[in-house]
Amino acid sequence: MGSDGLLFSERFPRSSKYHPEWVMAHASGGANALWLTEWLTSSLNLRPGMRVLDLGCGRASSSIFLHREFGVQVWATDLWFSATENIQRIRDAGVEDGVFPLHADARSLPFAGEFFDAIVCIDAYPYFGTDDLYLNYLVHFVKPGGILGIAGAGLVTEFEDQVPAHLRQIWTQDLWCLHSASWWRRHWGKTGLVDIQGADTMPDGWQVWLEWQRTVSPDNAEEISALEEDRGQYLGYVGLVAGRRHGVELEDYCWPDTLRSAPVDYTKKPLLRTEGS
């Protein structure tokens, strides 16, 4: 197949404008970041000039896409990939004035409270977001009424008991963070911090997943075989969109400024009863 048809999809018209060699060279995980970003943003009301956190941006292709397609300012933040390397990609794409790379841990973000209009996370959120306390931490960084959206690999339905036999060949311990859209709806909704605007499974997402693997990792026989056998019974792409509620109190113990400013007032005390007598 020539490059004209490679990774071209009428389903993802925005993504199909980008050269397949560029898309593949900037891959940082097991999914096409542009396809997932385009799917997620169809449910987001992004407007030019908005400040957006692209959390776990990998090699920043999703960040570049967001700025080019919607005119938003993007803080491309990742722990595993170099901000110095990402700035080279950003410059080459001609978007240095609107995409700003940072190296940071998702649990220790260097931003002011309520700085962002929107936070998106493409194929990375399950690695840290299953923690029951994490959403309370993250929503500090988005304005009341601001949007949070995630999209990535997940489950169409939760396993009832153990891993299905046809998935055991690929199921490593890190994959236990994958969940269904309904699981994520409950996980965020129970906090009362956000209003859930949508929790969806991508239609035929397993086929999108399979097409990507066949293109970028044709030698990944085990994953391709598992997807072909599963046929969307369990594996797919999921997305969740929510808005931060107005007037909701956030717990200070999850807020980094509070942790950093805690007073240090150590006073030596006797270790054992006998020392104080």
C-alpha atoms as a PDB file:
ATOM      1  CA  MET A   1       0.000   0.000   0.000  1.00  0.00           C
ATOM      2  CA  GLY A   2       1.373   3.426  -0.905  1.00  0.00           C
ATOM      3  CA  SER A   3       1.596   6.222   1.624  1.00  0.00           C
ATOM      4  CA  ASP A   4      -1.472   7.888   0.081  1.00  0.00           C
ATOM      5  CA  GLY A   5      -3.697   5.162   1.491  1.00  0.00           C
ATOM      6  CA  LEU A   6      -1.739   4.293   4.630  1.00  0.00           C
ATOM      7  CA  LEU A   7      -3.624   5.278   7.790  1.00  0.00           C
ATOM      8  CA  PHE A   8      -6.200   7.129   5.691  1.00  0.00           C
ATOM      9  CA  SER A   9      -9.698   6.823   7.122  1.00  0.00           C
ATOM     10  CA  GLU A  10     -12.919   8.584   6.173  1.00  0.00           C
ATOM     11  CA  ARG A  11     -13.896   8.036   9.783  1.00  0.00           C
ATOM     12  CA  PHE A  12     -11.081  10.352  10.908  1.00  0.00           C
ATOM     13  CA  PRO A  13     -10.881  13.149   8.310  1.00  0.00           C
ATOM     14  CA  ARG A  14      -8.801  15.518  10.441  1.00  0.00           C
ATOM     15  CA  SER A  15      -6.216  12.832  11.244  1.00  0.00           C
ATOM     16  CA  SER A  16      -6.045  11.708   7.623  1.00  0.00           C
ATOM     17  CA  LYS A  17      -4.492  15.036   6.633  1.00  0.00           C
ATOM     18  CA  TYR A  18      -1.294  14.109   8.481  1.00  0.00           C
ATOM     19  CA  HIS A  19       1.472  12.179   6.747  1.00  0.00           C
ATOM     20  CA  PRO A  20       1.515   8.517   7.851  1.00  0.00           C
ATOM     21  CA  GLU A  21       5.287   8.554   8.303  1.00  0.00           C
ATOM     22  CA  TRP A  22       4.927  11.489  10.713  1.00  0.00           C
ATOM     23  CA  VAL A  23       2.121   9.766  12.617  1.00  0.00           C
ATOM     24  CA  MET A  24       4.040   6.508  12.994  1.00  0.00           C
ATOM     25  CA  ALA A  25       7.324   8.219  13.874  1.00  0.00           C
ATOM     26  CA  HIS A  26       5.595  10.046  16.714  1.00  0.00           C
ATOM     27  CA  ALA A  27       3.770   7.022  18.111  1.00  0.00           C
ATOM     28  CA  SER A  28       4.389   6.553  21.813  1.00  0.00           C
ATOM     29  CA  GLY A  29       2.007   3.741  22.720  1.00  0.00           C
ATOM     30  CA  GLY A  30      -0.277   1.068  21.410  1.00  0.00           C
ATOM     31  CA  ALA A  31      -2.805   3.396  19.778  1.00  0.00           C
ATOM     32  CA  ASN A  32      -3.012   6.009  17.035  1.00  0.00           C
ATOM     33  CA  ALA A  33      -3.015   9.166  19.155  1.00  0.00           C
ATOM     34  CA  LEU A  34      -4.561  11.279  16.391  1.00  0.00           C
ATOM     35  CA  TRP A  35      -7.501   8.918  15.868  1.00  0.00           C
ATOM     36  CA  LEU A  36      -8.227   8.855  19.588  1.00  0.00           C
ATOM     37  CA  THR A  37      -7.853  12.628  19.908  1.00  0.00           C
ATOM     38  CA  GLU A  38     -10.168  13.246  16.983  1.00  0.00           C
ATOM     39  CA  TRP A  39     -12.765  10.885  18.440  1.00  0.00           C
ATOM     40  CA  LEU A  40     -12.560  12.508  21.879  1.00  0.00           C
ATOM     41  CA  THR A  41     -12.655  16.091  20.624  1.00  0.00           C
ATOM     42  CA  SER A  42     -15.884  15.424  18.753  1.00  0.00           C
ATOM     43  CA  SER A  43     -17.453  15.616  22.229  1.00  0.00           C
ATOM     44  CA  LEU A  44     -15.475  18.650  23.423  1.00  0.00           C
ATOM     45  CA  ASN A  45     -16.267  22.277  22.759  1.00  0.00           C
ATOM     46  CA  LEU A  46     -12.711  23.494  22.154  1.00  0.00           C
ATOM     47  CA  ARG A  47     -12.337  27.119  21.063  1.00  0.00           C
ATOM     48  CA  PRO A  48      -9.316  29.089  19.858  1.00  0.00           C
ATOM     49  CA  GLY A  49      -7.224  30.523  22.683  1.00  0.00           C
ATOM     50  CA  MET A  50      -8.342  28.033  25.321  1.00  0.00           C
ATOM     51  CA  ARG A  51      -5.620  26.663  27.596  1.00  0.00           C
ATOM     52  CA  VAL A  52      -5.464  22.873  27.414  1.00  0.00           C
ATOM     53  CA  LEU A  53      -3.392  20.386  29.381  1.00  0.00           C
ATOM     54  CA  ASP A  54      -2.460  17.356  27.277  1.00  0.00           C
ATOM     55  CA  LEU A  55      -1.616  14.999  30.123  1.00  0.00           C
ATOM     56  CA  GLY A  56       0.626  12.053  29.255  1.00  0.00           C
ATOM     57  CA  CYS A  57       1.183  13.462  25.773  1.00  0.00           C
ATOM     58  CA  GLY A  58       3.954  11.023  24.822  1.00  0.00           C
ATOM     59  CA  ARG A  59       5.763  12.365  21.773  1.00  0.00           C
ATOM     60  CA  ALA A  60       3.335  15.317  21.589  1.00  0.00           C
ATOM     61  CA  SER A  61       1.566  14.401  18.343  1.00  0.00           C
ATOM     62  CA  SER A  62      -1.814  14.831  20.067  1.00  0.00           C
ATOM     63  CA  SER A  63      -0.681  18.237  21.381  1.00  0.00           C
ATOM     64  CA  ILE A  64       0.372  19.408  17.930  1.00  0.00           C
ATOM     65  CA  PHE A  65      -2.925  18.115  16.519  1.00  0.00           C
ATOM     66  CA  LEU A  66      -4.970  19.960  19.154  1.00  0.00           C
ATOM     67  CA  HIS A  67      -3.277  23.277  18.439  1.00  0.00           C
ATOM     68  CA  ARG A  68      -3.379  22.964  14.660  1.00  0.00           C
ATOM     69  CA  GLU A  69      -6.991  21.769  14.483  1.00  0.00           C
ATOM     70  CA  PHE A  70      -8.608  23.907  17.189  1.00  0.00           C
ATOM     71  CA  GLY A  71      -6.286  26.858  17.792  1.00  0.00           C
ATOM     72  CA  VAL A  72      -5.944  26.079  21.498  1.00  0.00           C
ATOM     73  CA  GLN A  73      -2.810  26.617  23.577  1.00  0.00           C
ATOM     74  CA  VAL A  74      -1.480  23.250  24.721  1.00  0.00           C
ATOM     75  CA  TRP A  75       0.815  22.308  27.580  1.00  0.00           C
ATOM     76  CA  ALA A  76       2.276  19.000  26.378  1.00  0.00           C
ATOM     77  CA  THR A  77       3.151  17.199  29.603  1.00  0.00           C
ATOM     78  CA  ASP A  78       4.725  13.777  29.972  1.00  0.00           C
ATOM     79  CA  LEU A  79       6.933  11.823  32.375  1.00  0.00           C
ATOM     80  CA  TRP A  80       8.351   9.139  30.090  1.00  0.00           C
ATOM     81  CA  PHE A  81       9.250  11.226  27.040  1.00  0.00           C
ATOM     82  CA  SER A  82      11.729  14.082  26.866  1.00  0.00           C
ATOM     83  CA  ALA A  83      10.452  17.652  26.723  1.00  0.00           C
ATOM     84  CA  THR A  84      13.686  18.586  24.943  1.00  0.00           C
ATOM     85  CA  GLU A  85      12.951  16.045  22.232  1.00  0.00           C
ATOM     86  CA  ASN A  86       9.321  17.141  22.036  1.00  0.00           C
ATOM     87  CA  ILE A  87      10.243  20.789  21.478  1.00  0.00           C
ATOM     88  CA  GLN A  88      12.108  19.715  18.348  1.00  0.00           C
ATOM     89  CA  ARG A  89       8.957  18.055  17.010  1.00  0.00           C
ATOM     90  CA  ILE A  90       6.918  21.097  17.961  1.00  0.00           C
ATOM     91  CA  ARG A  91       9.302  23.449  16.162  1.00  0.00           C
ATOM     92  CA  ASP A  92       9.385  21.263  13.077  1.00  0.00           C
ATOM     93  CA  ALA A  93       5.572  21.353  13.037  1.00  0.00           C
ATOM     94  CA  GLY A  94       5.653  25.167  13.197  1.00  0.00           C
ATOM     95  CA  VAL A  95       3.579  25.401  16.389  1.00  0.00           C
ATOM     96  CA  GLU A  96       6.137  26.592  18.932  1.00  0.00           C
ATOM     97  CA  ASP A  97       3.955  29.608  19.714  1.00  0.00           C
ATOM     98  CA  GLY A  98       1.078  27.411  20.886  1.00  0.00           C
ATOM     99  CA  VAL A  99       2.450  24.098  22.206  1.00  0.00           C
ATOM    100  CA  PHE A 100       4.631  24.099  25.322  1.00  0.00           C
ATOM    101  CA  PRO A 101       6.403  20.869  26.354  1.00  0.00           C
ATOM    102  CA  LEU A 102       7.056  19.968  29.987  1.00  0.00           C
ATOM    103  CA  HIS A 103       8.536  16.983  31.770  1.00  0.00           C
ATOM    104  CA  ALA A 104       6.380  16.216  34.801  1.00  0.00           C
ATOM    105  CA  ASP A 105       4.717  13.422  36.738  1.00  0.00           C
ATOM    106  CA  ALA A 106       0.912  13.314  36.516  1.00  0.00           C
ATOM    107  CA  ARG A 107       0.869  13.188  40.333  1.00  0.00           C
ATOM    108  CA  SER A 108       3.100  16.253  40.735  1.00  0.00           C
ATOM    109  CA  LEU A 109       1.972  18.835  38.204  1.00  0.00           C
ATOM    110  CA  PRO A 110       3.661  22.277  38.221  1.00  0.00           C
ATOM    111  CA  PHE A 111       0.594  24.381  37.416  1.00  0.00           C
ATOM    112  CA  ALA A 112      -1.484  26.938  39.260  1.00  0.00           C
ATOM    113  CA  GLY A 113      -4.973  26.018  40.369  1.00  0.00           C
ATOM    114  CA  GLU A 114      -7.766  26.581  37.827  1.00  0.00           C
ATOM    115  CA  PHE A 115      -5.188  27.402  35.120  1.00  0.00           C
ATOM    116  CA  PHE A 116      -6.729  25.293  32.351  1.00  0.00           C
ATOM    117  CA  ASP A 117      -9.973  25.501  30.424  1.00  0.00           C
ATOM    118  CA  ALA A 118      -9.721  21.812  29.551  1.00  0.00           C
ATOM    119  CA  ILE A 119      -7.646  18.736  30.378  1.00  0.00           C
ATOM    120  CA  VAL A 120      -7.331  15.846  27.949  1.00  0.00           C
ATOM    121  CA  CYS A 121      -5.492  12.568  28.319  1.00  0.00           C
ATOM    122  CA  ILE A 122      -4.963  10.225  25.386  1.00  0.00           C
ATOM    123  CA  ASP A 123      -4.273   6.542  26.079  1.00  0.00           C
ATOM    124  CA  ALA A 124      -2.525   7.239  29.402  1.00  0.00           C
ATOM    125  CA  TYR A 125      -5.075   7.996  32.134  1.00  0.00           C
ATOM    126  CA  PRO A 126      -5.566   4.426  33.419  1.00  0.00           C
ATOM    127  CA  TYR A 127      -1.900   4.269  34.457  1.00  0.00           C
ATOM    128  CA  PHE A 128      -2.526   6.761  37.269  1.00  0.00           C
ATOM    129  CA  GLY A 129      -6.238   7.622  37.257  1.00  0.00           C
ATOM    130  CA  THR A 130      -7.675   4.467  38.812  1.00  0.00           C
ATOM    131  CA  ASP A 131      -6.541   5.844  42.196  1.00  0.00           C
ATOM    132  CA  ASP A 132      -9.679   6.941  44.062  1.00  0.00           C
ATOM    133  CA  LEU A 133      -7.969  10.165  45.148  1.00  0.00           C
ATOM    134  CA  TYR A 134      -6.573  11.220  41.781  1.00  0.00           C
ATOM    135  CA  LEU A 135      -9.588  12.994  40.297  1.00  0.00           C
ATOM    136  CA  ASN A 136      -9.797  15.257  43.351  1.00  0.00           C
ATOM    137  CA  TYR A 137      -6.183  16.208  42.676  1.00  0.00           C
ATOM    138  CA  LEU A 138      -6.570  16.720  38.941  1.00  0.00           C
ATOM    139  CA  VAL A 139      -9.695  18.885  38.969  1.00  0.00           C
ATOM    140  CA  HIS A 140      -7.825  21.576  40.912  1.00  0.00           C
ATOM    141  CA  PHE A 141      -6.067  22.477  37.685  1.00  0.00           C
ATOM    142  CA  VAL A 142      -9.192  23.094  35.585  1.00  0.00           C
ATOM    143  CA  LYS A 143     -11.580  26.008  36.009  1.00  0.00           C
ATOM    144  CA  PRO A 144     -15.065  25.395  37.427  1.00  0.00           C
ATOM    145  CA  GLY A 145     -17.141  24.467  34.406  1.00  0.00           C
ATOM    146  CA  GLY A 146     -14.001  23.384  32.579  1.00  0.00           C
ATOM    147  CA  ILE A 147     -13.788  20.095  30.738  1.00  0.00           C
ATOM    148  CA  LEU A 148     -11.916  16.869  31.430  1.00  0.00           C
ATOM    149  CA  GLY A 149     -11.760  14.221  28.710  1.00  0.00           C
ATOM    150  CA  ILE A 150      -9.951  10.900  28.423  1.00  0.00           C
ATOM    151  CA  ALA A 151      -9.770   8.317  25.653  1.00  0.00           C
ATOM    152  CA  GLY A 152      -7.768   5.153  25.187  1.00  0.00           C
ATOM    153  CA  ALA A 153      -7.573   1.403  25.356  1.00  0.00           C
ATOM    154  CA  GLY A 154     -10.112  -0.205  27.636  1.00  0.00           C
ATOM    155  CA  LEU A 155     -12.694  -2.921  28.026  1.00  0.00           C
ATOM    156  CA  VAL A 156     -16.044  -3.146  26.322  1.00  0.00           C
ATOM    157  CA  THR A 157     -17.256  -5.048  29.363  1.00  0.00           C
ATOM    158  CA  GLU A 158     -15.553  -5.953  32.640  1.00  0.00           C
ATOM    159  CA  PHE A 159     -14.338  -9.493  33.225  1.00  0.00           C
ATOM    160  CA  GLU A 160     -16.734 -11.387  35.463  1.00  0.00           C
ATOM    161  CA  ASP A 161     -14.067 -13.509  37.100  1.00  0.00           C
ATOM    162  CA  GLN A 162     -10.727 -14.212  35.468  1.00  0.00           C
ATOM    163  CA  VAL A 163      -9.022 -13.221  32.238  1.00  0.00           C
ATOM    164  CA  PRO A 164     -10.741 -14.890  29.251  1.00  0.00           C
ATOM    165  CA  ALA A 165      -8.651 -17.690  27.798  1.00  0.00           C
ATOM    166  CA  HIS A 166      -8.091 -15.993  24.439  1.00  0.00           C
ATOM    167  CA  LEU A 167      -6.588 -12.900  26.152  1.00  0.00           C
ATOM    168  CA  ARG A 168      -4.219 -14.644  28.559  1.00  0.00           C
ATOM    169  CA  GLN A 169      -1.352 -14.589  26.078  1.00  0.00           C
ATOM    170  CA  ILE A 170      -1.237 -10.785  26.147  1.00  0.00           C
ATOM    171  CA  TRP A 171      -2.584 -10.020  29.628  1.00  0.00           C
ATOM    172  CA  THR A 172       0.314  -8.668  31.684  1.00  0.00           C
ATOM    173  CA  GLN A 173      -0.139  -7.257  35.192  1.00  0.00           C
ATOM    174  CA  ASP A 174      -0.159  -3.635  34.001  1.00  0.00           C
ATOM    175  CA  LEU A 175      -3.309  -4.289  31.972  1.00  0.00           C
ATOM    176  CA  TRP A 176      -5.432  -4.593  35.113  1.00  0.00           C
ATOM    177  CA  CYS A 177      -5.765  -0.796  34.927  1.00  0.00           C
ATOM    178  CA  LEU A 178      -7.980  -1.144  31.834  1.00  0.00           C
ATOM    179  CA  HIS A 179     -11.694  -0.693  32.452  1.00  0.00           C
ATOM    180  CA  SER A 180     -14.983  -0.146  30.660  1.00  0.00           C
ATOM    181  CA  ALA A 181     -16.706   3.168  29.987  1.00  0.00           C
ATOM    182  CA  SER A 182     -19.370   2.332  32.572  1.00  0.00           C
ATOM    183  CA  TRP A 183     -16.652   1.632  35.160  1.00  0.00           C
ATOM    184  CA  TRP A 184     -15.090   5.039  34.495  1.00  0.00           C
ATOM    185  CA  ARG A 185     -18.502   6.703  34.704  1.00  0.00           C
ATOM    186  CA  ARG A 186     -18.975   5.262  38.206  1.00  0.00           C
ATOM    187  CA  HIS A 187     -15.373   5.990  39.199  1.00  0.00           C
ATOM    188  CA  TRP A 188     -15.682   9.690  38.412  1.00  0.00           C
ATOM    189  CA  GLY A 189     -19.380  10.126  39.097  1.00  0.00           C
ATOM    190  CA  LYS A 190     -19.287   8.859  42.688  1.00  0.00           C
ATOM    191  CA  THR A 191     -16.964  11.712  43.711  1.00  0.00           C
ATOM    192  CA  GLY A 192     -19.540  14.433  43.089  1.00  0.00           C
ATOM    193  CA  LEU A 193     -16.743  16.617  41.688  1.00  0.00           C
ATOM    194  CA  VAL A 194     -17.798  16.480  38.044  1.00  0.00           C
ATOM    195  CA  ASP A 195     -20.868  16.217  35.868  1.00  0.00           C
ATOM    196  CA  ILE A 196     -20.488  13.306  33.464  1.00  0.00           C
ATOM    197  CA  GLN A 197     -21.295  14.447  29.937  1.00  0.00           C
ATOM    198  CA  GLY A 198     -20.506  11.195  28.156  1.00  0.00           C
ATOM    199  CA  ALA A 199     -19.010   7.758  28.744  1.00  0.00           C
ATOM    200  CA  ASP A 200     -18.719   5.792  25.535  1.00  0.00           C
ATOM    201  CA  THR A 201     -17.148   2.855  23.791  1.00  0.00           C
ATOM    202  CA  MET A 202     -15.863   3.618  20.296  1.00  0.00           C
ATOM    203  CA  PRO A 203     -18.034   1.777  17.744  1.00  0.00           C
ATOM    204  CA  ASP A 204     -15.951  -1.058  16.288  1.00  0.00           C
ATOM    205  CA  GLY A 205     -13.001   0.250  18.243  1.00  0.00           C
ATOM    206  CA  TRP A 206     -11.347  -3.146  18.154  1.00  0.00           C
ATOM    207  CA  GLN A 207     -11.080  -2.841  14.373  1.00  0.00           C
ATOM    208  CA  VAL A 208      -9.439   0.585  14.723  1.00  0.00           C
ATOM    209  CA  TRP A 209      -7.043  -0.922  17.272  1.00  0.00           C
ATOM    210  CA  LEU A 210      -6.331  -3.864  14.961  1.00  0.00           C
ATOM    211  CA  GLU A 211      -5.711  -1.655  11.926  1.00  0.00           C
ATOM    212  CA  TRP A 212      -3.170   0.376  13.871  1.00  0.00           C
ATOM    213  CA  GLN A 213      -1.334  -2.716  15.110  1.00  0.00           C
ATOM    214  CA  ARG A 214      -1.223  -4.253  11.650  1.00  0.00           C
ATOM    215  CA  THR A 215       0.276  -1.020  10.329  1.00  0.00           C
ATOM    216  CA  VAL A 216       2.869  -0.119  12.958  1.00  0.00           C
ATOM    217  CA  SER A 217       3.571  -3.516  14.570  1.00  0.00           C
ATOM    218  CA  PRO A 218       2.891  -6.252  11.996  1.00  0.00           C
ATOM    219  CA  ASP A 219       5.219  -8.579  13.903  1.00  0.00           C
ATOM    220  CA  ASN A 220       3.171  -8.230  17.092  1.00  0.00           C
ATOM    221  CA  ALA A 221       1.485 -11.549  16.377  1.00  0.00           C
ATOM    222  CA  GLU A 222       0.139 -12.186  19.876  1.00  0.00           C
ATOM    223  CA  GLU A 223      -1.752  -8.893  20.179  1.00  0.00           C
ATOM    224  CA  ILE A 224      -3.040  -9.043  16.608  1.00  0.00           C
ATOM    225  CA  SER A 225      -4.214 -12.623  17.132  1.00  0.00           C
ATOM    226  CA  ALA A 226      -5.932 -11.708  20.399  1.00  0.00           C
ATOM    227  CA  LEU A 227      -7.772  -8.803  18.763  1.00  0.00           C
ATOM    228  CA  GLU A 228      -8.844 -10.972  15.836  1.00  0.00           C
ATOM    229  CA  GLU A 229     -10.184 -13.643  18.158  1.00  0.00           C
ATOM    230  CA  ASP A 230     -11.788 -11.220  20.611  1.00  0.00           C
ATOM    231  CA  ARG A 231     -13.601  -9.210  17.888  1.00  0.00           C
ATOM    232  CA  GLY A 232     -14.700  -6.515  20.306  1.00  0.00           C
ATOM    233  CA  GLN A 233     -16.122  -8.807  22.960  1.00  0.00           C
ATOM    234  CA  TYR A 234     -13.797  -7.323  25.587  1.00  0.00           C
ATOM    235  CA  LEU A 235     -11.122  -5.146  23.950  1.00  0.00           C
ATOM    236  CA  GLY A 236     -11.807  -1.705  22.533  1.00  0.00           C
ATOM    237  CA  TYR A 237     -11.398   2.014  23.014  1.00  0.00           C
ATOM    238  CA  VAL A 238     -13.303   3.947  25.666  1.00  0.00           C
ATOM    239  CA  GLY A 239     -13.814   7.643  26.304  1.00  0.00           C
ATOM    240  CA  LEU A 240     -15.139   9.803  29.127  1.00  0.00           C
ATOM    241  CA  VAL A 241     -16.004  13.507  29.191  1.00  0.00           C
ATOM    242  CA  ALA A 242     -16.994  15.500  32.271  1.00  0.00           C
ATOM    243  CA  GLY A 243     -17.222  19.078  33.471  1.00  0.00           C
ATOM    244  CA  ARG A 244     -15.918  20.336  36.808  1.00  0.00           C
ATOM    245  CA  ARG A 245     -18.872  21.300  38.973  1.00  0.00           C
ATOM    246  CA  HIS A 246     -19.241  24.827  40.272  1.00  0.00           C
ATOM    247  CA  GLY A 247     -19.208  25.389  44.027  1.00  0.00           C
ATOM    248  CA  VAL A 248     -17.774  22.004  45.002  1.00  0.00           C
ATOM    249  CA  GLU A 249     -15.200  21.976  47.800  1.00  0.00           C
ATOM    250  CA  LEU A 250     -12.009  20.107  46.961  1.00  0.00           C
ATOM    251  CA  GLU A 251     -10.088  18.279  49.649  1.00  0.00           C
ATOM    252  CA  ASP A 252      -6.905  20.123  50.626  1.00  0.00           C
ATOM    253  CA  TYR A 253      -4.981  16.941  51.354  1.00  0.00           C
ATOM    254  CA  CYS A 254      -4.899  16.243  47.631  1.00  0.00           C
ATOM    255  CA  TRP A 255      -3.796  19.741  46.678  1.00  0.00           C
ATOM    256  CA  PRO A 256      -0.044  20.117  46.026  1.00  0.00           C
ATOM    257  CA  ASP A 257       0.282  23.726  47.260  1.00  0.00           C
ATOM    258  CA  THR A 258      -1.004  22.611  50.648  1.00  0.00           C
ATOM    259  CA  LEU A 259       1.484  19.756  50.785  1.00  0.00           C
ATOM    260  CA  ARG A 260       4.416  21.957  49.815  1.00  0.00           C
ATOM    261  CA  SER A 261       3.526  24.676  52.312  1.00  0.00           C
ATOM    262  CA  ALA A 262       2.974  22.418  55.340  1.00  0.00           C
ATOM    263  CA  PRO A 263       5.003  23.887  58.244  1.00  0.00           C
ATOM    264  CA  VAL A 264       8.073  22.055  59.468  1.00  0.00           C
ATOM    265  CA  ASP A 265       8.032  22.174  63.259  1.00  0.00           C
ATOM    266  CA  TYR A 266      10.013  19.111  64.303  1.00  0.00           C
ATOM    267  CA  THR A 267      10.944  18.911  67.959  1.00  0.00           C
ATOM    268  CA  LYS A 268      13.008  16.037  69.259  1.00  0.00           C
ATOM    269  CA  LYS A 269      11.149  13.820  71.757  1.00  0.00           C
ATOM    270  CA  PRO A 270      12.280  10.825  73.819  1.00  0.00           C
ATOM    271  CA  LEU A 271      12.122   7.591  71.859  1.00  0.00           C
ATOM    272  CA  LEU A 272      11.548   5.278  74.822  1.00  0.00           C
ATOM    273  CA  ARG A 273       9.755   5.818  78.121  1.00  0.00           C
ATOM    274  CA  THR A 274      13.005   5.214  79.985  1.00  0.00           C
ATOM    275  CA  GLU A 275      14.674   8.137  78.226  1.00  0.00           C
ATOM    276  CA  GLY A 276      12.202  10.639  79.589  1.00  0.00           C
ATOM    277  CA  SER A 277      12.464   9.630  83.237  1.00  0.00           C
END
